[in-house]
Amino acid sequence: MPNYDALRDYLKQQTQTEFVLSFAQIEQIIEDDLPRAAQRASWWDTTRAAKERMPQREACIEAGYVATRLGDKEGVRFRRADAKRPRFK
């Protein structure tokens, strides 16, 4: 099972409010392959099943980010948990 401490540390170093990482980039960061389950949105979603502790979710939460898998299944959007969502007029 991959260790997600490197992802947590990477996220903590980021200054952007929101950015996207491809699965390949995440694999480079953690120096391991992501499991097939990483293709599922629920695997990343830090707002779903909050009581279900999963190491990749914990890494994001500890770094202060909310993770959402992109619809194209090619990557993950990370947004600061304390960032205000943009309002469209």
PDB file of N, CA and C in Angstrom:
ATOM      1  N   MET A   1       0.842  -1.178   0.000  1.00  0.00           N
ATOM      2  CA  MET A   1       0.000   0.000   0.000  1.00  0.00           C
ATOM      3  C   MET A   1       0.891   1.247   0.000  1.00  0.00           C
ATOM      4  N   PRO A   2       0.605   2.199  -0.879  1.00  0.00           N
ATOM      5  CA  PRO A   2       1.421   3.408  -0.941  1.00  0.00           C
ATOM      6  C   PRO A   2       1.357   4.206   0.360  1.00  0.00           C
ATOM      7  N   ASN A   3       2.402   4.948   0.613  1.00  0.00           N
ATOM      8  CA  ASN A   3       2.461   5.843   1.764  1.00  0.00           C
ATOM      9  C   ASN A   3       2.159   7.247   1.234  1.00  0.00           C
ATOM     10  N   TYR A   4       1.195   7.919   1.829  1.00  0.00           N
ATOM     11  CA  TYR A   4       0.754   9.211   1.329  1.00  0.00           C
ATOM     12  C   TYR A   4       1.348  10.392   2.102  1.00  0.00           C
ATOM     13  N   ASP A   5       2.343  10.133   2.948  1.00  0.00           N
ATOM     14  CA  ASP A   5       3.000  11.221   3.672  1.00  0.00           C
ATOM     15  C   ASP A   5       3.654  12.200   2.698  1.00  0.00           C
ATOM     16  N   ALA A   6       4.231  11.686   1.616  1.00  0.00           N
ATOM     17  CA  ALA A   6       4.879  12.563   0.635  1.00  0.00           C
ATOM     18  C   ALA A   6       3.854  13.468  -0.047  1.00  0.00           C
ATOM     19  N   LEU A   7       2.650  12.956  -0.289  1.00  0.00           N
ATOM     20  CA  LEU A   7       1.595  13.784  -0.869  1.00  0.00           C
ATOM     21  C   LEU A   7       1.195  14.869   0.117  1.00  0.00           C
ATOM     22  N   ARG A   8       1.025  14.499   1.364  1.00  0.00           N
ATOM     23  CA  ARG A   8       0.690  15.486   2.400  1.00  0.00           C
ATOM     24  C   ARG A   8       1.751  16.586   2.441  1.00  0.00           C
ATOM     25  N   ASP A   9       3.015  16.190   2.467  1.00  0.00           N
ATOM     26  CA  ASP A   9       4.104  17.160   2.532  1.00  0.00           C
ATOM     27  C   ASP A   9       4.128  18.050   1.291  1.00  0.00           C
ATOM     28  N   TYR A  10       3.882  17.458   0.123  1.00  0.00           N
ATOM     29  CA  TYR A  10       3.830  18.226  -1.122  1.00  0.00           C
ATOM     30  C   TYR A  10       2.714  19.266  -1.047  1.00  0.00           C
ATOM     31  N   LEU A  11       1.538  18.830  -0.614  1.00  0.00           N
ATOM     32  CA  LEU A  11       0.395  19.745  -0.531  1.00  0.00           C
ATOM     33  C   LEU A  11       0.671  20.874   0.451  1.00  0.00           C
ATOM     34  N   LYS A  12       1.305  20.573   1.560  1.00  0.00           N
ATOM     35  CA  LYS A  12       1.602  21.604   2.564  1.00  0.00           C
ATOM     36  C   LYS A  12       2.519  22.691   2.006  1.00  0.00           C
ATOM     37  N   GLN A  13       3.323  22.348   1.015  1.00  0.00           N
ATOM     38  CA  GLN A  13       4.260  23.311   0.426  1.00  0.00           C
ATOM     39  C   GLN A  13       3.608  24.211  -0.627  1.00  0.00           C
ATOM     40  N   GLN A  14       2.405  23.865  -1.047  1.00  0.00           N
ATOM     41  CA  GLN A  14       1.761  24.608  -2.127  1.00  0.00           C
ATOM     42  C   GLN A  14       1.198  25.936  -1.633  1.00  0.00           C
ATOM     43  N   THR A  15       1.241  26.938  -2.499  1.00  0.00           N
ATOM     44  CA  THR A  15       0.715  28.255  -2.157  1.00  0.00           C
ATOM     45  C   THR A  15      -0.554  28.581  -2.944  1.00  0.00           C
ATOM     46  N   GLN A  16      -0.860  27.769  -3.942  1.00  0.00           N
ATOM     47  CA  GLN A  16      -2.048  28.015  -4.757  1.00  0.00           C
ATOM     48  C   GLN A  16      -3.305  27.616  -3.995  1.00  0.00           C
ATOM     49  N   THR A  17      -4.378  28.333  -4.255  1.00  0.00           N
ATOM     50  CA  THR A  17      -5.665  28.019  -3.642  1.00  0.00           C
ATOM     51  C   THR A  17      -6.236  26.743  -4.238  1.00  0.00           C
ATOM     52  N   GLU A  18      -6.015  26.584  -5.546  1.00  0.00           N
ATOM     53  CA  GLU A  18      -6.572  25.425  -6.247  1.00  0.00           C
ATOM     54  C   GLU A  18      -5.647  25.037  -7.389  1.00  0.00           C
ATOM     55  N   PHE A  19      -5.460  23.734  -7.574  1.00  0.00           N
ATOM     56  CA  PHE A  19      -4.632  23.242  -8.676  1.00  0.00           C
ATOM     57  C   PHE A  19      -4.985  21.786  -8.945  1.00  0.00           C
ATOM     58  N   VAL A  20      -4.509  21.275 -10.079  1.00  0.00           N
ATOM     59  CA  VAL A  20      -4.795  19.905 -10.501  1.00  0.00           C
ATOM     60  C   VAL A  20      -3.485  19.141 -10.630  1.00  0.00           C
ATOM     61  N   LEU A  21      -3.505  17.891 -10.168  1.00  0.00           N
ATOM     62  CA  LEU A  21      -2.391  16.973 -10.387  1.00  0.00           C
ATOM     63  C   LEU A  21      -2.916  15.767 -11.151  1.00  0.00           C
ATOM     64  N   SER A  22      -2.170  15.327 -12.146  1.00  0.00           N
ATOM     65  CA  SER A  22      -2.542  14.102 -12.853  1.00  0.00           C
ATOM     66  C   SER A  22      -2.222  12.912 -11.957  1.00  0.00           C
ATOM     67  N   PHE A  23      -2.804  11.773 -12.269  1.00  0.00           N
ATOM     68  CA  PHE A  23      -2.479  10.565 -11.508  1.00  0.00           C
ATOM     69  C   PHE A  23      -0.992  10.260 -11.619  1.00  0.00           C
ATOM     70  N   ALA A  24      -0.412  10.487 -12.793  1.00  0.00           N
ATOM     71  CA  ALA A  24       1.017  10.243 -12.981  1.00  0.00           C
ATOM     72  C   ALA A  24       1.845  11.148 -12.075  1.00  0.00           C
ATOM     73  N   GLN A  25       1.445  12.401 -11.939  1.00  0.00           N
ATOM     74  CA  GLN A  25       2.170  13.319 -11.055  1.00  0.00           C
ATOM     75  C   GLN A  25       2.069  12.872  -9.601  1.00  0.00           C
ATOM     76  N   ILE A  26       0.890  12.419  -9.205  1.00  0.00           N
ATOM     77  CA  ILE A  26       0.710  11.944  -7.827  1.00  0.00           C
ATOM     78  C   ILE A  26       1.585  10.713  -7.585  1.00  0.00           C
ATOM     79  N   GLU A  27       1.641   9.825  -8.562  1.00  0.00           N
ATOM     80  CA  GLU A  27       2.487   8.633  -8.432  1.00  0.00           C
ATOM     81  C   GLU A  27       3.958   9.016  -8.306  1.00  0.00           C
ATOM     82  N   GLN A  28       4.376  10.048  -9.007  1.00  0.00           N
ATOM     83  CA  GLN A  28       5.762  10.520  -8.872  1.00  0.00           C
ATOM     84  C   GLN A  28       6.003  11.059  -7.469  1.00  0.00           C
ATOM     85  N   ILE A  29       5.037  11.793  -6.949  1.00  0.00           N
ATOM     86  CA  ILE A  29       5.177  12.379  -5.611  1.00  0.00           C
ATOM     87  C   ILE A  29       5.281  11.294  -4.553  1.00  0.00           C
ATOM     88  N   ILE A  30       4.410  10.278  -4.632  1.00  0.00           N
ATOM     89  CA  ILE A  30       4.407   9.228  -3.604  1.00  0.00           C
ATOM     90  C   ILE A  30       5.408   8.111  -3.906  1.00  0.00           C
ATOM     91  N   GLU A  31       6.023   8.188  -5.085  1.00  0.00           N
ATOM     92  CA  GLU A  31       7.001   7.184  -5.520  1.00  0.00           C
ATOM     93  C   GLU A  31       6.436   5.762  -5.453  1.00  0.00           C
ATOM     94  N   ASP A  32       5.191   5.645  -5.923  1.00  0.00           N
ATOM     95  CA  ASP A  32       4.510   4.348  -5.937  1.00  0.00           C
ATOM     96  C   ASP A  32       3.325   4.454  -6.896  1.00  0.00           C
ATOM     97  N   ASP A  33       2.780   3.319  -7.279  1.00  0.00           N
ATOM     98  CA  ASP A  33       1.591   3.290  -8.121  1.00  0.00           C
ATOM     99  C   ASP A  33       0.356   3.500  -7.267  1.00  0.00           C
ATOM    100  N   LEU A  34      -0.588   4.250  -7.802  1.00  0.00           N
ATOM    101  CA  LEU A  34      -1.880   4.370  -7.132  1.00  0.00           C
ATOM    102  C   LEU A  34      -2.666   3.089  -7.364  1.00  0.00           C
ATOM    103  N   PRO A  35      -3.501   2.707  -6.406  1.00  0.00           N
ATOM    104  CA  PRO A  35      -4.334   1.518  -6.626  1.00  0.00           C
ATOM    105  C   PRO A  35      -5.420   1.811  -7.655  1.00  0.00           C
ATOM    106  N   ARG A  36      -5.994   0.775  -8.209  1.00  0.00           N
ATOM    107  CA  ARG A  36      -7.076   0.946  -9.198  1.00  0.00           C
ATOM    108  C   ARG A  36      -8.230   1.748  -8.615  1.00  0.00           C
ATOM    109  N   ALA A  37      -8.443   1.631  -7.324  1.00  0.00           N
ATOM    110  CA  ALA A  37      -9.540   2.349  -6.660  1.00  0.00           C
ATOM    111  C   ALA A  37      -9.410   3.862  -6.804  1.00  0.00           C
ATOM    112  N   ALA A  38      -8.204   4.354  -7.077  1.00  0.00           N
ATOM    113  CA  ALA A  38      -7.990   5.799  -7.221  1.00  0.00           C
ATOM    114  C   ALA A  38      -8.755   6.370  -8.412  1.00  0.00           C
ATOM    115  N   GLN A  39      -9.212   5.519  -9.309  1.00  0.00           N
ATOM    116  CA  GLN A  39     -10.000   5.962 -10.452  1.00  0.00           C
ATOM    117  C   GLN A  39     -11.414   6.375 -10.034  1.00  0.00           C
ATOM    118  N   ARG A  40     -11.855   5.915  -8.860  1.00  0.00           N
ATOM    119  CA  ARG A  40     -13.205   6.230  -8.377  1.00  0.00           C
ATOM    120  C   ARG A  40     -13.205   7.581  -7.658  1.00  0.00           C
ATOM    121  N   ALA A  41     -14.201   8.384  -7.931  1.00  0.00           N
ATOM    122  CA  ALA A  41     -14.312   9.697  -7.281  1.00  0.00           C
ATOM    123  C   ALA A  41     -14.401   9.555  -5.769  1.00  0.00           C
ATOM    124  N   SER A  42     -15.120   8.554  -5.292  1.00  0.00           N
ATOM    125  CA  SER A  42     -15.314   8.393  -3.853  1.00  0.00           C
ATOM    126  C   SER A  42     -14.017   8.101  -3.107  1.00  0.00           C
ATOM    127  N   TRP A  43     -13.025   7.576  -3.802  1.00  0.00           N
ATOM    128  CA  TRP A  43     -11.748   7.245  -3.166  1.00  0.00           C
ATOM    129  C   TRP A  43     -11.035   8.512  -2.720  1.00  0.00           C
ATOM    130  N   TRP A  44     -11.203   9.599  -3.473  1.00  0.00           N
ATOM    131  CA  TRP A  44     -10.544  10.868  -3.178  1.00  0.00           C
ATOM    132  C   TRP A  44     -11.395  11.810  -2.351  1.00  0.00           C
ATOM    133  N   ASP A  45     -12.689  11.749  -2.524  1.00  0.00           N
ATOM    134  CA  ASP A  45     -13.592  12.750  -1.967  1.00  0.00           C
ATOM    135  C   ASP A  45     -13.484  12.842  -0.445  1.00  0.00           C
ATOM    136  N   THR A  46     -12.883  13.927   0.026  1.00  0.00           N
ATOM    137  CA  THR A  46     -12.661  14.100   1.459  1.00  0.00           C
ATOM    138  C   THR A  46     -13.932  14.503   2.198  1.00  0.00           C
ATOM    139  N   THR A  47     -14.998  14.822   1.473  1.00  0.00           N
ATOM    140  CA  THR A  47     -16.241  15.222   2.128  1.00  0.00           C
ATOM    141  C   THR A  47     -17.211  14.057   2.291  1.00  0.00           C
ATOM    142  N   ARG A  48     -16.950  12.936   1.631  1.00  0.00           N
ATOM    143  CA  ARG A  48     -17.830  11.775   1.726  1.00  0.00           C
ATOM    144  C   ARG A  48     -17.301  10.807   2.769  1.00  0.00           C
ATOM    145  N   ALA A  49     -18.208  10.157   3.456  1.00  0.00           N
ATOM    146  CA  ALA A  49     -17.859   9.121   4.431  1.00  0.00           C
ATOM    147  C   ALA A  49     -16.703   9.575   5.321  1.00  0.00           C
ATOM    148  N   ALA A  50     -16.904  10.722   5.945  1.00  0.00           N
ATOM    149  CA  ALA A  50     -15.840  11.319   6.766  1.00  0.00           C
ATOM    150  C   ALA A  50     -15.348  10.402   7.878  1.00  0.00           C
ATOM    151  N   LYS A  51     -16.200   9.495   8.337  1.00  0.00           N
ATOM    152  CA  LYS A  51     -15.802   8.581   9.413  1.00  0.00           C
ATOM    153  C   LYS A  51     -14.920   7.447   8.906  1.00  0.00           C
ATOM    154  N   GLU A  52     -14.950   7.212   7.603  1.00  0.00           N
ATOM    155  CA  GLU A  52     -14.130   6.157   7.000  1.00  0.00           C
ATOM    156  C   GLU A  52     -12.728   6.710   6.780  1.00  0.00           C
ATOM    157  N   ARG A  53     -11.802   6.255   7.581  1.00  0.00           N
ATOM    158  CA  ARG A  53     -10.443   6.786   7.527  1.00  0.00           C
ATOM    159  C   ARG A  53      -9.652   6.079   6.421  1.00  0.00           C
ATOM    160  N   MET A  54      -9.160   6.880   5.500  1.00  0.00           N
ATOM    161  CA  MET A  54      -8.376   6.353   4.389  1.00  0.00           C
ATOM    162  C   MET A  54      -7.117   7.216   4.283  1.00  0.00           C
ATOM    163  N   PRO A  55      -5.951   6.612   4.122  1.00  0.00           N
ATOM    164  CA  PRO A  55      -4.698   7.369   4.181  1.00  0.00           C
ATOM    165  C   PRO A  55      -4.572   8.492   3.162  1.00  0.00           C
ATOM    166  N   GLN A  56      -5.084   8.315   1.946  1.00  0.00           N
ATOM    167  CA  GLN A  56      -4.983   9.380   0.951  1.00  0.00           C
ATOM    168  C   GLN A  56      -5.851  10.566   1.330  1.00  0.00           C
ATOM    169  N   ARG A  57      -7.011  10.291   1.906  1.00  0.00           N
ATOM    170  CA  ARG A  57      -7.885  11.377   2.368  1.00  0.00           C
ATOM    171  C   ARG A  57      -7.256  12.098   3.549  1.00  0.00           C
ATOM    172  N   GLU A  58      -6.712  11.333   4.481  1.00  0.00           N
ATOM    173  CA  GLU A  58      -6.073  11.921   5.661  1.00  0.00           C
ATOM    174  C   GLU A  58      -4.927  12.838   5.256  1.00  0.00           C
ATOM    175  N   ALA A  59      -4.151  12.422   4.260  1.00  0.00           N
ATOM    176  CA  ALA A  59      -3.030  13.240   3.789  1.00  0.00           C
ATOM    177  C   ALA A  59      -3.535  14.594   3.285  1.00  0.00           C
ATOM    178  N   CYS A  60      -4.619  14.585   2.537  1.00  0.00           N
ATOM    179  CA  CYS A  60      -5.189  15.832   2.014  1.00  0.00           C
ATOM    180  C   CYS A  60      -5.716  16.704   3.143  1.00  0.00           C
ATOM    181  N   ILE A  61      -6.458  16.109   4.049  1.00  0.00           N
ATOM    182  CA  ILE A  61      -7.045  16.854   5.159  1.00  0.00           C
ATOM    183  C   ILE A  61      -5.957  17.459   6.040  1.00  0.00           C
ATOM    184  N   GLU A  62      -4.935  16.667   6.361  1.00  0.00           N
ATOM    185  CA  GLU A  62      -3.843  17.160   7.196  1.00  0.00           C
ATOM    186  C   GLU A  62      -3.106  18.321   6.538  1.00  0.00           C
ATOM    187  N   ALA A  63      -3.073  18.332   5.224  1.00  0.00           N
ATOM    188  CA  ALA A  63      -2.403  19.408   4.489  1.00  0.00           C
ATOM    189  C   ALA A  63      -3.327  20.610   4.276  1.00  0.00           C
ATOM    190  N   GLY A  64      -4.604  20.462   4.644  1.00  0.00           N
ATOM    191  CA  GLY A  64      -5.551  21.562   4.506  1.00  0.00           C
ATOM    192  C   GLY A  64      -6.211  21.668   3.147  1.00  0.00           C
ATOM    193  N   TYR A  65      -6.268  20.555   2.415  1.00  0.00           N
ATOM    194  CA  TYR A  65      -6.871  20.559   1.079  1.00  0.00           C
ATOM    195  C   TYR A  65      -8.057  19.615   0.992  1.00  0.00           C
ATOM    196  N   VAL A  66      -8.979  19.979   0.113  1.00  0.00           N
ATOM    197  CA  VAL A  66     -10.100  19.132  -0.265  1.00  0.00           C
ATOM    198  C   VAL A  66      -9.754  18.569  -1.638  1.00  0.00           C
ATOM    199  N   ALA A  67      -9.892  17.263  -1.809  1.00  0.00           N
ATOM    200  CA  ALA A  67      -9.558  16.612  -3.074  1.00  0.00           C
ATOM    201  C   ALA A  67     -10.831  16.152  -3.779  1.00  0.00           C
ATOM    202  N   THR A  68     -10.851  16.345  -5.103  1.00  0.00           N
ATOM    203  CA  THR A  68     -11.972  15.906  -5.929  1.00  0.00           C
ATOM    204  C   THR A  68     -11.413  15.340  -7.227  1.00  0.00           C
ATOM    205  N   ARG A  69     -11.759  14.094  -7.538  1.00  0.00           N
ATOM    206  CA  ARG A  69     -11.293  13.513  -8.800  1.00  0.00           C
ATOM    207  C   ARG A  69     -11.967  14.213  -9.962  1.00  0.00           C
ATOM    208  N   LEU A  70     -11.212  14.495 -10.999  1.00  0.00           N
ATOM    209  CA  LEU A  70     -11.765  15.145 -12.182  1.00  0.00           C
ATOM    210  C   LEU A  70     -12.672  14.195 -12.945  1.00  0.00           C
ATOM    211  N   GLY A  71     -13.645  14.740 -13.642  1.00  0.00           N
ATOM    212  CA  GLY A  71     -14.597  13.936 -14.395  1.00  0.00           C
ATOM    213  C   GLY A  71     -13.971  13.086 -15.481  1.00  0.00           C
ATOM    214  N   ASP A  72     -12.818  13.530 -16.000  1.00  0.00           N
ATOM    215  CA  ASP A  72     -12.171  12.772 -17.072  1.00  0.00           C
ATOM    216  C   ASP A  72     -11.343  11.596 -16.539  1.00  0.00           C
ATOM    217  N   LYS A  73     -11.331  11.430 -15.229  1.00  0.00           N
ATOM    218  CA  LYS A  73     -10.598  10.342 -14.555  1.00  0.00           C
ATOM    219  C   LYS A  73      -9.097  10.416 -14.805  1.00  0.00           C
ATOM    220  N   GLU A  74      -8.603  11.583 -15.147  1.00  0.00           N
ATOM    221  CA  GLU A  74      -7.182  11.728 -15.436  1.00  0.00           C
ATOM    222  C   GLU A  74      -6.417  12.430 -14.326  1.00  0.00           C
ATOM    223  N   GLY A  75      -7.117  12.904 -13.308  1.00  0.00           N
ATOM    224  CA  GLY A  75      -6.405  13.610 -12.260  1.00  0.00           C
ATOM    225  C   GLY A  75      -7.305  14.012 -11.120  1.00  0.00           C
ATOM    226  N   VAL A  76      -6.725  14.810 -10.226  1.00  0.00           N
ATOM    227  CA  VAL A  76      -7.412  15.213  -9.005  1.00  0.00           C
ATOM    228  C   VAL A  76      -7.245  16.719  -8.818  1.00  0.00           C
ATOM    229  N   ARG A  77      -8.339  17.393  -8.483  1.00  0.00           N
ATOM    230  CA  ARG A  77      -8.297  18.818  -8.171  1.00  0.00           C
ATOM    231  C   ARG A  77      -8.133  18.945  -6.655  1.00  0.00           C
ATOM    232  N   PHE A  78      -7.192  19.766  -6.257  1.00  0.00           N
ATOM    233  CA  PHE A  78      -6.960  20.049  -4.844  1.00  0.00           C
ATOM    234  C   PHE A  78      -7.313  21.515  -4.607  1.00  0.00           C
ATOM    235  N   ARG A  79      -8.155  21.765  -3.603  1.00  0.00           N
ATOM    236  CA  ARG A  79      -8.561  23.126  -3.253  1.00  0.00           C
ATOM    237  C   ARG A  79      -8.394  23.306  -1.754  1.00  0.00           C
ATOM    238  N   ARG A  80      -7.810  24.431  -1.373  1.00  0.00           N
ATOM    239  CA  ARG A  80      -7.625  24.699   0.050  1.00  0.00           C
ATOM    240  C   ARG A  80      -8.973  24.605   0.758  1.00  0.00           C
ATOM    241  N   ALA A  81      -8.986  23.914   1.868  1.00  0.00           N
ATOM    242  CA  ALA A  81     -10.228  23.704   2.604  1.00  0.00           C
ATOM    243  C   ALA A  81     -10.802  25.020   3.116  1.00  0.00           C
ATOM    244  N   ASP A  82      -9.951  25.996   3.392  1.00  0.00           N
ATOM    245  CA  ASP A  82     -10.424  27.270   3.919  1.00  0.00           C
ATOM    246  C   ASP A  82     -10.701  28.301   2.831  1.00  0.00           C
ATOM    247  N   ALA A  83     -10.536  27.920   1.565  1.00  0.00           N
ATOM    248  CA  ALA A  83     -10.758  28.857   0.458  1.00  0.00           C
ATOM    249  C   ALA A  83     -12.246  29.059   0.220  1.00  0.00           C
ATOM    250  N   LYS A  84     -12.597  30.269  -0.067  1.00  0.00           N
ATOM    251  CA  LYS A  84     -13.988  30.582  -0.401  1.00  0.00           C
ATOM    252  C   LYS A  84     -14.248  30.144  -1.834  1.00  0.00           C
ATOM    253  N   ARG A  85     -15.380  29.527  -2.047  1.00  0.00           N
ATOM    254  CA  ARG A  85     -15.748  29.154  -3.415  1.00  0.00           C
ATOM    255  C   ARG A  85     -16.114  30.428  -4.168  1.00  0.00           C
ATOM    256  N   PRO A  86     -15.695  30.529  -5.429  1.00  0.00           N
ATOM    257  CA  PRO A  86     -16.041  31.733  -6.196  1.00  0.00           C
ATOM    258  C   PRO A  86     -17.546  31.826  -6.404  1.00  0.00           C
ATOM    259  N   ARG A  87     -18.049  33.033  -6.304  1.00  0.00           N
ATOM    260  CA  ARG A  87     -19.485  33.248  -6.543  1.00  0.00           C
ATOM    261  C   ARG A  87     -19.658  33.892  -7.895  1.00  0.00           C
ATOM    262  N   PHE A  88     -20.553  33.312  -8.669  1.00  0.00           N
ATOM    263  CA  PHE A  88     -20.816  33.850  -9.996  1.00  0.00           C
ATOM    264  C   PHE A  88     -22.079  34.679  -9.953  1.00  0.00           C
ATOM    265  N   LYS A  89     -22.010  35.844 -10.578  1.00  0.00           N
ATOM    266  CA  LYS A  89     -23.173  36.758 -10.573  1.00  0.00           C
ATOM    267  C   LYS A  89     -23.935  36.632 -11.873  1.00  0.00           C
TER     268      LYS A  89
END
